[in-house]
Amino acid sequence: MAAKQVLELLGRLTGEIGPTAEVTIVDSPRWKRIEGAIAGALASFPEAAAAVSKALAELEAA
């Protein structure tokens, strides 16, 4: 067993690491700036903007 796996197992056994880890970036200020930049760049392309908006909404819902 690799050292990383041993440490993860020890962390789970002691309760220091939960069973799953989740990183949420969609609520971060950096993501909001990225989303705004994408929207601005696509402002002249309504069909592309709609497709990107739909794809991002699907990712956020997953």
C-alpha atoms as a PDB file:
ATOM      1  CA  MET A   1       0.000   0.000   0.000  1.00  0.00           C
ATOM      2  CA  ALA A   2       1.428   3.376  -1.002  1.00  0.00           C
ATOM      3  CA  ALA A   3       2.154   6.010   1.628  1.00  0.00           C
ATOM      4  CA  LYS A   4      -0.634   8.254   0.351  1.00  0.00           C
ATOM      5  CA  GLN A   5      -3.189   5.478   0.707  1.00  0.00           C
ATOM      6  CA  VAL A   6      -1.977   4.714   4.235  1.00  0.00           C
ATOM      7  CA  LEU A   7      -2.299   8.366   5.223  1.00  0.00           C
ATOM      8  CA  GLU A   8      -5.774   8.577   3.695  1.00  0.00           C
ATOM      9  CA  LEU A   9      -6.839   5.447   5.556  1.00  0.00           C
ATOM     10  CA  LEU A  10      -5.469   6.797   8.839  1.00  0.00           C
ATOM     11  CA  GLY A  11      -7.242  10.093   8.246  1.00  0.00           C
ATOM     12  CA  ARG A  12     -10.541   8.331   7.642  1.00  0.00           C
ATOM     13  CA  LEU A  13     -10.117   6.111  10.693  1.00  0.00           C
ATOM     14  CA  THR A  14      -9.403   9.099  12.939  1.00  0.00           C
ATOM     15  CA  GLY A  15     -12.197  11.169  11.405  1.00  0.00           C
ATOM     16  CA  GLU A  16      -9.834  13.806  10.041  1.00  0.00           C
ATOM     17  CA  ILE A  17     -10.829  12.964   6.470  1.00  0.00           C
ATOM     18  CA  GLY A  18     -14.451  12.440   5.511  1.00  0.00           C
ATOM     19  CA  PRO A  19     -15.582   9.698   3.149  1.00  0.00           C
ATOM     20  CA  THR A  20     -15.747  12.110   0.227  1.00  0.00           C
ATOM     21  CA  ALA A  21     -14.103  15.357  -0.677  1.00  0.00           C
ATOM     22  CA  GLU A  22     -15.840  17.937  -2.820  1.00  0.00           C
ATOM     23  CA  VAL A  23     -14.459  21.155  -4.183  1.00  0.00           C
ATOM     24  CA  THR A  24     -16.993  23.754  -5.235  1.00  0.00           C
ATOM     25  CA  ILE A  25     -15.664  26.534  -7.405  1.00  0.00           C
ATOM     26  CA  VAL A  26     -18.866  27.917  -8.871  1.00  0.00           C
ATOM     27  CA  ASP A  27     -19.492  30.147  -5.856  1.00  0.00           C
ATOM     28  CA  SER A  28     -15.971  31.556  -5.756  1.00  0.00           C
ATOM     29  CA  PRO A  29     -15.235  35.155  -6.785  1.00  0.00           C
ATOM     30  CA  ARG A  30     -12.654  33.894  -9.284  1.00  0.00           C
ATOM     31  CA  TRP A  31     -15.235  31.691 -11.027  1.00  0.00           C
ATOM     32  CA  LYS A  32     -17.703  34.607 -11.166  1.00  0.00           C
ATOM     33  CA  ARG A  33     -15.029  36.707 -12.942  1.00  0.00           C
ATOM     34  CA  ILE A  34     -14.361  33.875 -15.401  1.00  0.00           C
ATOM     35  CA  GLU A  35     -18.079  33.450 -16.036  1.00  0.00           C
ATOM     36  CA  GLY A  36     -18.409  37.203 -16.628  1.00  0.00           C
ATOM     37  CA  ALA A  37     -15.487  37.198 -19.055  1.00  0.00           C
ATOM     38  CA  ILE A  38     -17.027  34.317 -20.999  1.00  0.00           C
ATOM     39  CA  ALA A  39     -20.402  36.075 -21.124  1.00  0.00           C
ATOM     40  CA  GLY A  40     -18.769  39.295 -22.309  1.00  0.00           C
ATOM     41  CA  ALA A  41     -16.788  37.528 -25.006  1.00  0.00           C
ATOM     42  CA  LEU A  42     -19.917  35.773 -26.260  1.00  0.00           C
ATOM     43  CA  ALA A  43     -22.173  38.844 -26.183  1.00  0.00           C
ATOM     44  CA  SER A  44     -21.922  39.239 -29.968  1.00  0.00           C
ATOM     45  CA  PHE A  45     -22.676  35.555 -30.540  1.00  0.00           C
ATOM     46  CA  PRO A  46     -26.119  34.807 -29.045  1.00  0.00           C
ATOM     47  CA  GLU A  47     -26.319  31.188 -30.209  1.00  0.00           C
ATOM     48  CA  ALA A  48     -22.880  30.385 -28.804  1.00  0.00           C
ATOM     49  CA  ALA A  49     -23.733  32.263 -25.599  1.00  0.00           C
ATOM     50  CA  ALA A  50     -26.876  30.173 -25.176  1.00  0.00           C
ATOM     51  CA  ALA A  51     -24.971  26.932 -25.761  1.00  0.00           C
ATOM     52  CA  VAL A  52     -22.245  27.853 -23.266  1.00  0.00           C
ATOM     53  CA  SER A  53     -24.820  29.020 -20.733  1.00  0.00           C
ATOM     54  CA  LYS A  54     -26.685  25.724 -21.028  1.00  0.00           C
ATOM     55  CA  ALA A  55     -23.487  23.687 -20.700  1.00  0.00           C
ATOM     56  CA  LEU A  56     -22.380  25.624 -17.600  1.00  0.00           C
ATOM     57  CA  ALA A  57     -25.816  25.299 -16.004  1.00  0.00           C
ATOM     58  CA  GLU A  58     -25.710  21.535 -16.565  1.00  0.00           C
ATOM     59  CA  LEU A  59     -22.267  21.344 -14.955  1.00  0.00           C
ATOM     60  CA  GLU A  60     -23.404  23.375 -11.950  1.00  0.00           C
ATOM     61  CA  ALA A  61     -26.460  21.143 -11.507  1.00  0.00           C
ATOM     62  CA  ALA A  62     -24.418  17.929 -11.607  1.00  0.00           C
END
